[in-house]
Amino acid sequence: MIFFDHFNYWIFVILLMIGLFTVMSRTNLIKKMIGLSLFQISVFLFYISMGKIDEGTAPIVVEGAQDVVYSNPLPHVLILTAIVVGVATTALGLSLVVRIKESFGTIDEEDILAREDKA
């Protein structure tokens, strides 16, 4: 069945759409950050899925081994770096939400925009 053959791609699309919908439809800044993190995680999953090779082994050369298919470790290393950058970006975003809460007294985007218009 084609659904189970490409299960990871279906999960990627579902997480991507949930994250995008959350970022676009919510006015709460924390919920927007959660949606952005879901969106980011779905891209990580997609990139890791693309780096997987069927019957691929670790790129360790062994004498006498012939016709061995090696997996490229570069996509996984890049995703590890992207995860670190994503965590740092999320931490920065949440710290900005805390500062916004201290300044405006709310984390609702519509309330913040209404208060800015009055000022």
PDB file of N, CA and C in Angstrom:
ATOM      1  N   MET A   1       0.850  -1.182   0.000  1.00  0.00           N
ATOM      2  CA  MET A   1       0.000   0.000   0.000  1.00  0.00           C
ATOM      3  C   MET A   1       0.891   1.239   0.000  1.00  0.00           C
ATOM      4  N   ILE A   2       0.541   2.208  -0.813  1.00  0.00           N
ATOM      5  CA  ILE A   2       1.392   3.385  -0.990  1.00  0.00           C
ATOM      6  C   ILE A   2       1.444   4.257   0.266  1.00  0.00           C
ATOM      7  N   PHE A   3       0.385   4.233   1.073  1.00  0.00           N
ATOM      8  CA  PHE A   3       0.380   5.040   2.294  1.00  0.00           C
ATOM      9  C   PHE A   3       1.471   4.589   3.251  1.00  0.00           C
ATOM     10  N   PHE A   4       1.621   3.281   3.426  1.00  0.00           N
ATOM     11  CA  PHE A   4       2.609   2.774   4.370  1.00  0.00           C
ATOM     12  C   PHE A   4       4.017   2.804   3.803  1.00  0.00           C
ATOM     13  N   ASP A   5       4.148   2.806   2.476  1.00  0.00           N
ATOM     14  CA  ASP A   5       5.472   2.904   1.871  1.00  0.00           C
ATOM     15  C   ASP A   5       6.086   4.279   2.085  1.00  0.00           C
ATOM     16  N   HIS A   6       5.258   5.291   2.153  1.00  0.00           N
ATOM     17  CA  HIS A   6       5.736   6.669   2.313  1.00  0.00           C
ATOM     18  C   HIS A   6       5.133   7.301   3.568  1.00  0.00           C
ATOM     19  N   PHE A   7       5.095   6.540   4.636  1.00  0.00           N
ATOM     20  CA  PHE A   7       4.480   6.994   5.880  1.00  0.00           C
ATOM     21  C   PHE A   7       5.155   8.247   6.427  1.00  0.00           C
ATOM     22  N   ASN A   8       6.486   8.303   6.359  1.00  0.00           N
ATOM     23  CA  ASN A   8       7.205   9.454   6.896  1.00  0.00           C
ATOM     24  C   ASN A   8       6.891  10.730   6.113  1.00  0.00           C
ATOM     25  N   TYR A   9       6.611  10.624   4.817  1.00  0.00           N
ATOM     26  CA  TYR A   9       6.259  11.810   4.043  1.00  0.00           C
ATOM     27  C   TYR A   9       4.855  12.297   4.405  1.00  0.00           C
ATOM     28  N   TRP A  10       3.950  11.373   4.707  1.00  0.00           N
ATOM     29  CA  TRP A  10       2.623  11.772   5.144  1.00  0.00           C
ATOM     30  C   TRP A  10       2.694  12.482   6.495  1.00  0.00           C
ATOM     31  N   ILE A  11       3.519  11.971   7.391  1.00  0.00           N
ATOM     32  CA  ILE A  11       3.693  12.619   8.689  1.00  0.00           C
ATOM     33  C   ILE A  11       4.291  14.018   8.497  1.00  0.00           C
ATOM     34  N   PHE A  12       5.249  14.134   7.568  1.00  0.00           N
ATOM     35  CA  PHE A  12       5.842  15.438   7.261  1.00  0.00           C
ATOM     36  C   PHE A  12       4.767  16.429   6.819  1.00  0.00           C
ATOM     37  N   VAL A  13       3.917  16.015   5.891  1.00  0.00           N
ATOM     38  CA  VAL A  13       2.883  16.913   5.369  1.00  0.00           C
ATOM     39  C   VAL A  13       1.891  17.288   6.464  1.00  0.00           C
ATOM     40  N   ILE A  14       1.496  16.327   7.280  1.00  0.00           N
ATOM     41  CA  ILE A  14       0.533  16.604   8.348  1.00  0.00           C
ATOM     42  C   ILE A  14       1.121  17.576   9.365  1.00  0.00           C
ATOM     43  N   LEU A  15       2.357  17.338   9.807  1.00  0.00           N
ATOM     44  CA  LEU A  15       2.988  18.256  10.762  1.00  0.00           C
ATOM     45  C   LEU A  15       3.194  19.641  10.154  1.00  0.00           C
ATOM     46  N   LEU A  16       3.566  19.691   8.888  1.00  0.00           N
ATOM     47  CA  LEU A  16       3.776  20.962   8.210  1.00  0.00           C
ATOM     48  C   LEU A  16       2.480  21.768   8.159  1.00  0.00           C
ATOM     49  N   MET A  17       1.386  21.118   7.811  1.00  0.00           N
ATOM     50  CA  MET A  17       0.103  21.814   7.723  1.00  0.00           C
ATOM     51  C   MET A  17      -0.419  22.242   9.093  1.00  0.00           C
ATOM     52  N   ILE A  18      -0.237  21.400  10.105  1.00  0.00           N
ATOM     53  CA  ILE A  18      -0.659  21.779  11.456  1.00  0.00           C
ATOM     54  C   ILE A  18       0.147  22.989  11.936  1.00  0.00           C
ATOM     55  N   GLY A  19       1.458  22.961  11.724  1.00  0.00           N
ATOM     56  CA  GLY A  19       2.301  24.084  12.133  1.00  0.00           C
ATOM     57  C   GLY A  19       1.957  25.360  11.399  1.00  0.00           C
ATOM     58  N   LEU A  20       1.753  25.263  10.080  1.00  0.00           N
ATOM     59  CA  LEU A  20       1.412  26.446   9.287  1.00  0.00           C
ATOM     60  C   LEU A  20       0.054  27.006   9.696  1.00  0.00           C
ATOM     61  N   PHE A  21      -0.919  26.123   9.902  1.00  0.00           N
ATOM     62  CA  PHE A  21      -2.242  26.567  10.339  1.00  0.00           C
ATOM     63  C   PHE A  21      -2.172  27.248  11.701  1.00  0.00           C
ATOM     64  N   THR A  22      -1.385  26.689  12.608  1.00  0.00           N
ATOM     65  CA  THR A  22      -1.269  27.267  13.945  1.00  0.00           C
ATOM     66  C   THR A  22      -0.634  28.653  13.892  1.00  0.00           C
ATOM     67  N   VAL A  23       0.399  28.813  13.090  1.00  0.00           N
ATOM     68  CA  VAL A  23       1.052  30.121  12.991  1.00  0.00           C
ATOM     69  C   VAL A  23       0.111  31.151  12.382  1.00  0.00           C
ATOM     70  N   MET A  24      -0.661  30.742  11.392  1.00  0.00           N
ATOM     71  CA  MET A  24      -1.518  31.706  10.690  1.00  0.00           C
ATOM     72  C   MET A  24      -2.821  32.016  11.417  1.00  0.00           C
ATOM     73  N   SER A  25      -3.350  31.073  12.186  1.00  0.00           N
ATOM     74  CA  SER A  25      -4.694  31.258  12.730  1.00  0.00           C
ATOM     75  C   SER A  25      -4.734  31.730  14.179  1.00  0.00           C
ATOM     76  N   ARG A  26      -3.693  31.569  14.927  1.00  0.00           N
ATOM     77  CA  ARG A  26      -3.707  31.920  16.353  1.00  0.00           C
ATOM     78  C   ARG A  26      -3.185  33.332  16.569  1.00  0.00           C
ATOM     79  N   THR A  27      -3.701  33.980  17.590  1.00  0.00           N
ATOM     80  CA  THR A  27      -3.205  35.309  17.951  1.00  0.00           C
ATOM     81  C   THR A  27      -2.339  35.267  19.197  1.00  0.00           C
ATOM     82  N   ASN A  28      -2.372  34.162  19.935  1.00  0.00           N
ATOM     83  CA  ASN A  28      -1.531  33.989  21.110  1.00  0.00           C
ATOM     84  C   ASN A  28      -0.099  33.730  20.648  1.00  0.00           C
ATOM     85  N   LEU A  29       0.841  34.499  21.139  1.00  0.00           N
ATOM     86  CA  LEU A  29       2.223  34.401  20.669  1.00  0.00           C
ATOM     87  C   LEU A  29       2.888  33.082  21.056  1.00  0.00           C
ATOM     88  N   ILE A  30       2.527  32.507  22.196  1.00  0.00           N
ATOM     89  CA  ILE A  30       3.085  31.206  22.594  1.00  0.00           C
ATOM     90  C   ILE A  30       2.612  30.129  21.630  1.00  0.00           C
ATOM     91  N   LYS A  31       1.339  30.168  21.263  1.00  0.00           N
ATOM     92  CA  LYS A  31       0.814  29.187  20.313  1.00  0.00           C
ATOM     93  C   LYS A  31       1.460  29.347  18.942  1.00  0.00           C
ATOM     94  N   LYS A  32       1.757  30.583  18.575  1.00  0.00           N
ATOM     95  CA  LYS A  32       2.480  30.808  17.317  1.00  0.00           C
ATOM     96  C   LYS A  32       3.878  30.196  17.372  1.00  0.00           C
ATOM     97  N   MET A  33       4.545  30.301  18.512  1.00  0.00           N
ATOM     98  CA  MET A  33       5.873  29.705  18.666  1.00  0.00           C
ATOM     99  C   MET A  33       5.800  28.175  18.596  1.00  0.00           C
ATOM    100  N   ILE A  34       4.758  27.598  19.173  1.00  0.00           N
ATOM    101  CA  ILE A  34       4.578  26.148  19.103  1.00  0.00           C
ATOM    102  C   ILE A  34       4.338  25.727  17.658  1.00  0.00           C
ATOM    103  N   GLY A  35       3.524  26.467  16.928  1.00  0.00           N
ATOM    104  CA  GLY A  35       3.284  26.172  15.518  1.00  0.00           C
ATOM    105  C   GLY A  35       4.541  26.289  14.686  1.00  0.00           C
ATOM    106  N   LEU A  36       5.353  27.289  14.982  1.00  0.00           N
ATOM    107  CA  LEU A  36       6.616  27.453  14.272  1.00  0.00           C
ATOM    108  C   LEU A  36       7.557  26.290  14.560  1.00  0.00           C
ATOM    109  N   SER A  37       7.573  25.818  15.783  1.00  0.00           N
ATOM    110  CA  SER A  37       8.402  24.664  16.136  1.00  0.00           C
ATOM    111  C   SER A  37       7.917  23.397  15.436  1.00  0.00           C
ATOM    112  N   LEU A  38       6.603  23.192  15.345  1.00  0.00           N
ATOM    113  CA  LEU A  38       6.064  22.047  14.608  1.00  0.00           C
ATOM    114  C   LEU A  38       6.444  22.107  13.131  1.00  0.00           C
ATOM    115  N   PHE A  39       6.350  23.292  12.567  1.00  0.00           N
ATOM    116  CA  PHE A  39       6.736  23.494  11.169  1.00  0.00           C
ATOM    117  C   PHE A  39       8.212  23.137  10.977  1.00  0.00           C
ATOM    118  N   GLN A  40       9.033  23.587  11.881  1.00  0.00           N
ATOM    119  CA  GLN A  40      10.464  23.331  11.812  1.00  0.00           C
ATOM    120  C   GLN A  40      10.777  21.842  11.980  1.00  0.00           C
ATOM    121  N   ILE A  41      10.114  21.176  12.889  1.00  0.00           N
ATOM    122  CA  ILE A  41      10.318  19.746  13.110  1.00  0.00           C
ATOM    123  C   ILE A  41       9.912  18.955  11.882  1.00  0.00           C
ATOM    124  N   SER A  42       8.855  19.377  11.207  1.00  0.00           N
ATOM    125  CA  SER A  42       8.438  18.663  10.001  1.00  0.00           C
ATOM    126  C   SER A  42       9.487  18.781   8.906  1.00  0.00           C
ATOM    127  N   VAL A  43      10.123  19.927   8.796  1.00  0.00           N
ATOM    128  CA  VAL A  43      11.193  20.078   7.800  1.00  0.00           C
ATOM    129  C   VAL A  43      12.380  19.193   8.162  1.00  0.00           C
ATOM    130  N   PHE A  44      12.692  19.088   9.448  1.00  0.00           N
ATOM    131  CA  PHE A  44      13.768  18.187   9.875  1.00  0.00           C
ATOM    132  C   PHE A  44      13.449  16.749   9.491  1.00  0.00           C
ATOM    133  N   LEU A  45      12.226  16.328   9.753  1.00  0.00           N
ATOM    134  CA  LEU A  45      11.811  14.966   9.420  1.00  0.00           C
ATOM    135  C   LEU A  45      11.920  14.710   7.920  1.00  0.00           C
ATOM    136  N   PHE A  46      11.501  15.668   7.124  1.00  0.00           N
ATOM    137  CA  PHE A  46      11.579  15.522   5.674  1.00  0.00           C
ATOM    138  C   PHE A  46      13.027  15.394   5.214  1.00  0.00           C
ATOM    139  N   TYR A  47      13.882  16.231   5.730  1.00  0.00           N
ATOM    140  CA  TYR A  47      15.280  16.213   5.311  1.00  0.00           C
ATOM    141  C   TYR A  47      15.968  14.917   5.730  1.00  0.00           C
ATOM    142  N   ILE A  48      15.670  14.418   6.914  1.00  0.00           N
ATOM    143  CA  ILE A  48      16.248  13.155   7.365  1.00  0.00           C
ATOM    144  C   ILE A  48      15.711  12.000   6.520  1.00  0.00           C
ATOM    145  N   SER A  49      14.426  12.058   6.172  1.00  0.00           N
ATOM    146  CA  SER A  49      13.834  11.011   5.339  1.00  0.00           C
ATOM    147  C   SER A  49      14.470  10.976   3.956  1.00  0.00           C
ATOM    148  N   MET A  50      14.800  12.131   3.425  1.00  0.00           N
ATOM    149  CA  MET A  50      15.436  12.172   2.106  1.00  0.00           C
ATOM    150  C   MET A  50      16.860  11.618   2.157  1.00  0.00           C
ATOM    151  N   GLY A  51      17.513  11.697   3.302  1.00  0.00           N
ATOM    152  CA  GLY A  51      18.876  11.213   3.440  1.00  0.00           C
ATOM    153  C   GLY A  51      18.990   9.717   3.670  1.00  0.00           C
ATOM    154  N   LYS A  52      17.864   9.061   3.898  1.00  0.00           N
ATOM    155  CA  LYS A  52      17.867   7.616   4.150  1.00  0.00           C
ATOM    156  C   LYS A  52      17.989   6.856   2.836  1.00  0.00           C
ATOM    157  N   ILE A  53      18.913   5.885   2.807  1.00  0.00           N
ATOM    158  CA  ILE A  53      19.097   5.020   1.648  1.00  0.00           C
ATOM    159  C   ILE A  53      18.765   3.600   2.074  1.00  0.00           C
ATOM    160  N   ASP A  54      17.921   2.930   1.285  1.00  0.00           N
ATOM    161  CA  ASP A  54      17.563   1.547   1.600  1.00  0.00           C
ATOM    162  C   ASP A  54      18.801   0.665   1.537  1.00  0.00           C
ATOM    163  N   GLU A  55      18.960  -0.150   2.554  1.00  0.00           N
ATOM    164  CA  GLU A  55      20.081  -1.078   2.680  1.00  0.00           C
ATOM    165  C   GLU A  55      21.431  -0.360   2.714  1.00  0.00           C
ATOM    166  N   GLY A  56      21.431   0.893   3.097  1.00  0.00           N
ATOM    167  CA  GLY A  56      22.674   1.644   3.222  1.00  0.00           C
ATOM    168  C   GLY A  56      23.301   1.411   4.584  1.00  0.00           C
ATOM    169  N   THR A  57      24.614   1.356   4.612  1.00  0.00           N
ATOM    170  CA  THR A  57      25.330   1.154   5.863  1.00  0.00           C
ATOM    171  C   THR A  57      26.130   2.402   6.196  1.00  0.00           C
ATOM    172  N   ALA A  58      26.707   2.394   7.375  1.00  0.00           N
ATOM    173  CA  ALA A  58      27.543   3.510   7.794  1.00  0.00           C
ATOM    174  C   ALA A  58      28.759   3.592   6.880  1.00  0.00           C
ATOM    175  N   PRO A  59      29.212   4.788   6.572  1.00  0.00           N
ATOM    176  CA  PRO A  59      30.339   4.941   5.639  1.00  0.00           C
ATOM    177  C   PRO A  59      31.686   4.594   6.276  1.00  0.00           C
ATOM    178  N   ILE A  60      31.821   3.342   6.663  1.00  0.00           N
ATOM    179  CA  ILE A  60      33.066   2.839   7.225  1.00  0.00           C
ATOM    180  C   ILE A  60      33.617   1.831   6.223  1.00  0.00           C
ATOM    181  N   VAL A  61      34.759   2.134   5.660  1.00  0.00           N
ATOM    182  CA  VAL A  61      35.341   1.275   4.632  1.00  0.00           C
ATOM    183  C   VAL A  61      36.020   0.080   5.295  1.00  0.00           C
ATOM    184  N   VAL A  62      35.639  -1.108   4.841  1.00  0.00           N
ATOM    185  CA  VAL A  62      36.197  -2.351   5.351  1.00  0.00           C
ATOM    186  C   VAL A  62      36.879  -3.063   4.189  1.00  0.00           C
ATOM    187  N   GLU A  63      38.059  -3.588   4.450  1.00  0.00           N
ATOM    188  CA  GLU A  63      38.771  -4.281   3.379  1.00  0.00           C
ATOM    189  C   GLU A  63      38.005  -5.521   2.934  1.00  0.00           C
ATOM    190  N   GLY A  64      37.961  -5.737   1.637  1.00  0.00           N
ATOM    191  CA  GLY A  64      37.325  -6.915   1.080  1.00  0.00           C
ATOM    192  C   GLY A  64      35.829  -6.767   0.860  1.00  0.00           C
ATOM    193  N   ALA A  65      35.235  -5.670   1.297  1.00  0.00           N
ATOM    194  CA  ALA A  65      33.796  -5.477   1.096  1.00  0.00           C
ATOM    195  C   ALA A  65      33.565  -4.915  -0.299  1.00  0.00           C
ATOM    196  N   GLN A  66      32.727  -5.587  -1.060  1.00  0.00           N
ATOM    197  CA  GLN A  66      32.419  -5.137  -2.415  1.00  0.00           C
ATOM    198  C   GLN A  66      30.915  -4.935  -2.542  1.00  0.00           C
ATOM    199  N   ASP A  67      30.549  -4.078  -3.445  1.00  0.00           N
ATOM    200  CA  ASP A  67      29.143  -3.778  -3.719  1.00  0.00           C
ATOM    201  C   ASP A  67      28.390  -3.373  -2.448  1.00  0.00           C
ATOM    202  N   VAL A  68      29.016  -2.539  -1.654  1.00  0.00           N
ATOM    203  CA  VAL A  68      28.390  -2.053  -0.427  1.00  0.00           C
ATOM    204  C   VAL A  68      27.807  -0.671  -0.706  1.00  0.00           C
ATOM    205  N   VAL A  69      26.579  -0.461  -0.281  1.00  0.00           N
ATOM    206  CA  VAL A  69      25.926   0.829  -0.446  1.00  0.00           C
ATOM    207  C   VAL A  69      26.103   1.606   0.861  1.00  0.00           C
ATOM    208  N   TYR A  70      26.697   2.779   0.743  1.00  0.00           N
ATOM    209  CA  TYR A  70      26.947   3.601   1.921  1.00  0.00           C
ATOM    210  C   TYR A  70      25.925   4.732   1.992  1.00  0.00           C
ATOM    211  N   SER A  71      25.514   5.052   3.208  1.00  0.00           N
ATOM    212  CA  SER A  71      24.638   6.200   3.433  1.00  0.00           C
ATOM    213  C   SER A  71      25.498   7.445   3.620  1.00  0.00           C
ATOM    214  N   ASN A  72      25.005   8.546   3.122  1.00  0.00           N
ATOM    215  CA  ASN A  72      25.709   9.810   3.273  1.00  0.00           C
ATOM    216  C   ASN A  72      25.366  10.396   4.648  1.00  0.00           C
ATOM    217  N   PRO A  73      26.361  10.654   5.501  1.00  0.00           N
ATOM    218  CA  PRO A  73      26.071  11.185   6.841  1.00  0.00           C
ATOM    219  C   PRO A  73      25.826  12.694   6.861  1.00  0.00           C
ATOM    220  N   LEU A  74      26.072  13.377   5.758  1.00  0.00           N
ATOM    221  CA  LEU A  74      25.960  14.834   5.736  1.00  0.00           C
ATOM    222  C   LEU A  74      24.555  15.353   6.072  1.00  0.00           C
ATOM    223  N   PRO A  75      23.467  14.788   5.517  1.00  0.00           N
ATOM    224  CA  PRO A  75      22.146  15.315   5.893  1.00  0.00           C
ATOM    225  C   PRO A  75      21.864  15.213   7.386  1.00  0.00           C
ATOM    226  N   HIS A  76      22.297  14.141   8.010  1.00  0.00           N
ATOM    227  CA  HIS A  76      22.041  13.972   9.440  1.00  0.00           C
ATOM    228  C   HIS A  76      22.862  14.959  10.267  1.00  0.00           C
ATOM    229  N   VAL A  77      24.072  15.217   9.840  1.00  0.00           N
ATOM    230  CA  VAL A  77      24.914  16.193  10.547  1.00  0.00           C
ATOM    231  C   VAL A  77      24.329  17.591  10.401  1.00  0.00           C
ATOM    232  N   LEU A  78      23.848  17.914   9.206  1.00  0.00           N
ATOM    233  CA  LEU A  78      23.241  19.234   8.997  1.00  0.00           C
ATOM    234  C   LEU A  78      21.972  19.404   9.829  1.00  0.00           C
ATOM    235  N   ILE A  79      21.213  18.334   9.972  1.00  0.00           N
ATOM    236  CA  ILE A  79      19.997  18.420  10.779  1.00  0.00           C
ATOM    237  C   ILE A  79      20.340  18.587  12.255  1.00  0.00           C
ATOM    238  N   LEU A  80      21.409  17.952  12.719  1.00  0.00           N
ATOM    239  CA  LEU A  80      21.827  18.179  14.104  1.00  0.00           C
ATOM    240  C   LEU A  80      22.158  19.649  14.336  1.00  0.00           C
ATOM    241  N   THR A  81      22.834  20.249  13.390  1.00  0.00           N
ATOM    242  CA  THR A  81      23.132  21.675  13.487  1.00  0.00           C
ATOM    243  C   THR A  81      21.851  22.499  13.438  1.00  0.00           C
ATOM    244  N   ALA A  82      20.933  22.123  12.557  1.00  0.00           N
ATOM    245  CA  ALA A  82      19.671  22.850  12.446  1.00  0.00           C
ATOM    246  C   ALA A  82      18.834  22.720  13.710  1.00  0.00           C
ATOM    247  N   ILE A  83      18.896  21.581  14.375  1.00  0.00           N
ATOM    248  CA  ILE A  83      18.163  21.408  15.630  1.00  0.00           C
ATOM    249  C   ILE A  83      18.705  22.355  16.695  1.00  0.00           C
ATOM    250  N   VAL A  84      20.006  22.480  16.774  1.00  0.00           N
ATOM    251  CA  VAL A  84      20.618  23.399  17.746  1.00  0.00           C
ATOM    252  C   VAL A  84      20.204  24.838  17.444  1.00  0.00           C
ATOM    253  N   VAL A  85      20.235  25.211  16.169  1.00  0.00           N
ATOM    254  CA  VAL A  85      19.817  26.563  15.787  1.00  0.00           C
ATOM    255  C   VAL A  85      18.329  26.752  16.063  1.00  0.00           C
ATOM    256  N   GLY A  86      17.524  25.726  15.829  1.00  0.00           N
ATOM    257  CA  GLY A  86      16.085  25.814  16.103  1.00  0.00           C
ATOM    258  C   GLY A  86      15.784  25.991  17.574  1.00  0.00           C
ATOM    259  N   VAL A  87      16.498  25.284  18.423  1.00  0.00           N
ATOM    260  CA  VAL A  87      16.296  25.434  19.872  1.00  0.00           C
ATOM    261  C   VAL A  87      16.692  26.844  20.306  1.00  0.00           C
ATOM    262  N   ALA A  88      17.796  27.348  19.773  1.00  0.00           N
ATOM    263  CA  ALA A  88      18.229  28.706  20.120  1.00  0.00           C
ATOM    264  C   ALA A  88      17.220  29.743  19.624  1.00  0.00           C
ATOM    265  N   THR A  89      16.684  29.544  18.435  1.00  0.00           N
ATOM    266  CA  THR A  89      15.689  30.472  17.893  1.00  0.00           C
ATOM    267  C   THR A  89      14.407  30.441  18.719  1.00  0.00           C
ATOM    268  N   THR A  90      13.993  29.257  19.117  1.00  0.00           N
ATOM    269  CA  THR A  90      12.798  29.129  19.946  1.00  0.00           C
ATOM    270  C   THR A  90      13.014  29.795  21.304  1.00  0.00           C
ATOM    271  N   ALA A  91      14.184  29.608  21.885  1.00  0.00           N
ATOM    272  CA  ALA A  91      14.483  30.252  23.172  1.00  0.00           C
ATOM    273  C   ALA A  91      14.473  31.771  23.035  1.00  0.00           C
ATOM    274  N   LEU A  92      15.029  32.285  21.951  1.00  0.00           N
ATOM    275  CA  LEU A  92      15.019  33.733  21.720  1.00  0.00           C
ATOM    276  C   LEU A  92      13.592  34.235  21.536  1.00  0.00           C
ATOM    277  N   GLY A  93      12.798  33.506  20.769  1.00  0.00           N
ATOM    278  CA  GLY A  93      11.401  33.891  20.557  1.00  0.00           C
ATOM    279  C   GLY A  93      10.614  33.901  21.850  1.00  0.00           C
ATOM    280  N   LEU A  94      10.815  32.892  22.678  1.00  0.00           N
ATOM    281  CA  LEU A  94      10.098  32.846  23.957  1.00  0.00           C
ATOM    282  C   LEU A  94      10.560  33.958  24.897  1.00  0.00           C
ATOM    283  N   SER A  95      11.841  34.295  24.847  1.00  0.00           N
ATOM    284  CA  SER A  95      12.305  35.408  25.682  1.00  0.00           C
ATOM    285  C   SER A  95      11.713  36.737  25.197  1.00  0.00           C
ATOM    286  N   LEU A  96      11.529  36.872  23.889  1.00  0.00           N
ATOM    287  CA  LEU A  96      10.873  38.072  23.370  1.00  0.00           C
ATOM    288  C   LEU A  96       9.401  38.120  23.784  1.00  0.00           C
ATOM    289  N   VAL A  97       8.759  36.968  23.840  1.00  0.00           N
ATOM    290  CA  VAL A  97       7.368  36.916  24.297  1.00  0.00           C
ATOM    291  C   VAL A  97       7.286  37.350  25.760  1.00  0.00           C
ATOM    292  N   VAL A  98       8.248  36.948  26.563  1.00  0.00           N
ATOM    293  CA  VAL A  98       8.277  37.371  27.970  1.00  0.00           C
ATOM    294  C   VAL A  98       8.424  38.887  28.066  1.00  0.00           C
ATOM    295  N   ARG A  99       9.300  39.462  27.255  1.00  0.00           N
ATOM    296  CA  ARG A  99       9.484  40.928  27.272  1.00  0.00           C
ATOM    297  C   ARG A  99       8.233  41.648  26.783  1.00  0.00           C
ATOM    298  N   ILE A 100       7.565  41.074  25.780  1.00  0.00           N
ATOM    299  CA  ILE A 100       6.312  41.659  25.295  1.00  0.00           C
ATOM    300  C   ILE A 100       5.253  41.608  26.389  1.00  0.00           C
ATOM    301  N   LYS A 101       5.201  40.510  27.116  1.00  0.00           N
ATOM    302  CA  LYS A 101       4.247  40.374  28.225  1.00  0.00           C
ATOM    303  C   LYS A 101       4.522  41.420  29.302  1.00  0.00           C
ATOM    304  N   GLU A 102       5.810  41.664  29.589  1.00  0.00           N
ATOM    305  CA  GLU A 102       6.163  42.680  30.593  1.00  0.00           C
ATOM    306  C   GLU A 102       5.797  44.090  30.118  1.00  0.00           C
ATOM    307  N   SER A 103       5.973  44.350  28.831  1.00  0.00           N
ATOM    308  CA  SER A 103       5.718  45.692  28.306  1.00  0.00           C
ATOM    309  C   SER A 103       4.235  45.985  28.102  1.00  0.00           C
ATOM    310  N   PHE A 104       3.508  45.029  27.531  1.00  0.00           N
ATOM    311  CA  PHE A 104       2.113  45.265  27.163  1.00  0.00           C
ATOM    312  C   PHE A 104       1.107  44.615  28.106  1.00  0.00           C
ATOM    313  N   GLY A 105       1.547  43.685  28.924  1.00  0.00           N
ATOM    314  CA  GLY A 105       0.637  43.022  29.845  1.00  0.00           C
ATOM    315  C   GLY A 105      -0.179  41.912  29.214  1.00  0.00           C
ATOM    316  N   THR A 106       0.092  41.571  27.979  1.00  0.00           N
ATOM    317  CA  THR A 106      -0.638  40.513  27.283  1.00  0.00           C
ATOM    318  C   THR A 106       0.273  39.885  26.228  1.00  0.00           C
ATOM    319  N   ILE A 107      -0.094  38.668  25.823  1.00  0.00           N
ATOM    320  CA  ILE A 107       0.639  38.025  24.727  1.00  0.00           C
ATOM    321  C   ILE A 107      -0.284  37.762  23.542  1.00  0.00           C
ATOM    322  N   ASP A 108      -1.446  38.394  23.553  1.00  0.00           N
ATOM    323  CA  ASP A 108      -2.375  38.281  22.435  1.00  0.00           C
ATOM    324  C   ASP A 108      -2.033  39.346  21.395  1.00  0.00           C
ATOM    325  N   GLU A 109      -1.846  38.920  20.171  1.00  0.00           N
ATOM    326  CA  GLU A 109      -1.389  39.814  19.116  1.00  0.00           C
ATOM    327  C   GLU A 109      -2.381  40.940  18.832  1.00  0.00           C
ATOM    328  N   GLU A 110      -3.658  40.638  18.853  1.00  0.00           N
ATOM    329  CA  GLU A 110      -4.666  41.667  18.573  1.00  0.00           C
ATOM    330  C   GLU A 110      -4.697  42.730  19.663  1.00  0.00           C
ATOM    331  N   ASP A 111      -4.541  42.327  20.919  1.00  0.00           N
ATOM    332  CA  ASP A 111      -4.507  43.295  22.016  1.00  0.00           C
ATOM    333  C   ASP A 111      -3.276  44.191  21.924  1.00  0.00           C
ATOM    334  N   ILE A 112      -2.158  43.610  21.537  1.00  0.00           N
ATOM    335  CA  ILE A 112      -0.921  44.380  21.404  1.00  0.00           C
ATOM    336  C   ILE A 112      -1.075  45.428  20.293  1.00  0.00           C
ATOM    337  N   LEU A 113      -1.620  45.007  19.159  1.00  0.00           N
ATOM    338  CA  LEU A 113      -1.814  45.944  18.044  1.00  0.00           C
ATOM    339  C   LEU A 113      -2.826  47.029  18.403  1.00  0.00           C
ATOM    340  N   ALA A 114      -3.861  46.673  19.162  1.00  0.00           N
ATOM    341  CA  ALA A 114      -4.854  47.673  19.587  1.00  0.00           C
ATOM    342  C   ALA A 114      -4.208  48.688  20.532  1.00  0.00           C
ATOM    343  N   ARG A 115      -3.353  48.229  21.426  1.00  0.00           N
ATOM    344  CA  ARG A 115      -2.680  49.160  22.358  1.00  0.00           C
ATOM    345  C   ARG A 115      -1.695  50.058  21.634  1.00  0.00           C
ATOM    346  N   GLU A 116      -1.038  49.546  20.599  1.00  0.00           N
ATOM    347  CA  GLU A 116      -0.112  50.374  19.832  1.00  0.00           C
ATOM    348  C   GLU A 116      -0.856  51.450  19.050  1.00  0.00           C
ATOM    349  N   ASP A 117      -2.035  51.109  18.528  1.00  0.00           N
ATOM    350  CA  ASP A 117      -2.831  52.082  17.768  1.00  0.00           C
ATOM    351  C   ASP A 117      -3.322  53.217  18.660  1.00  0.00           C
ATOM    352  N   LYS A 118      -3.631  52.906  19.930  1.00  0.00           N
ATOM    353  CA  LYS A 118      -4.099  53.934  20.861  1.00  0.00           C
ATOM    354  C   LYS A 118      -2.967  54.868  21.276  1.00  0.00           C
ATOM    355  N   ALA A 119      -1.752  54.348  21.279  1.00  0.00           N
ATOM    356  CA  ALA A 119      -0.621  55.154  21.768  1.00  0.00           C
ATOM    357  C   ALA A 119      -0.110  56.122  20.750  1.00  0.00           C
TER     358      ALA A 119
END
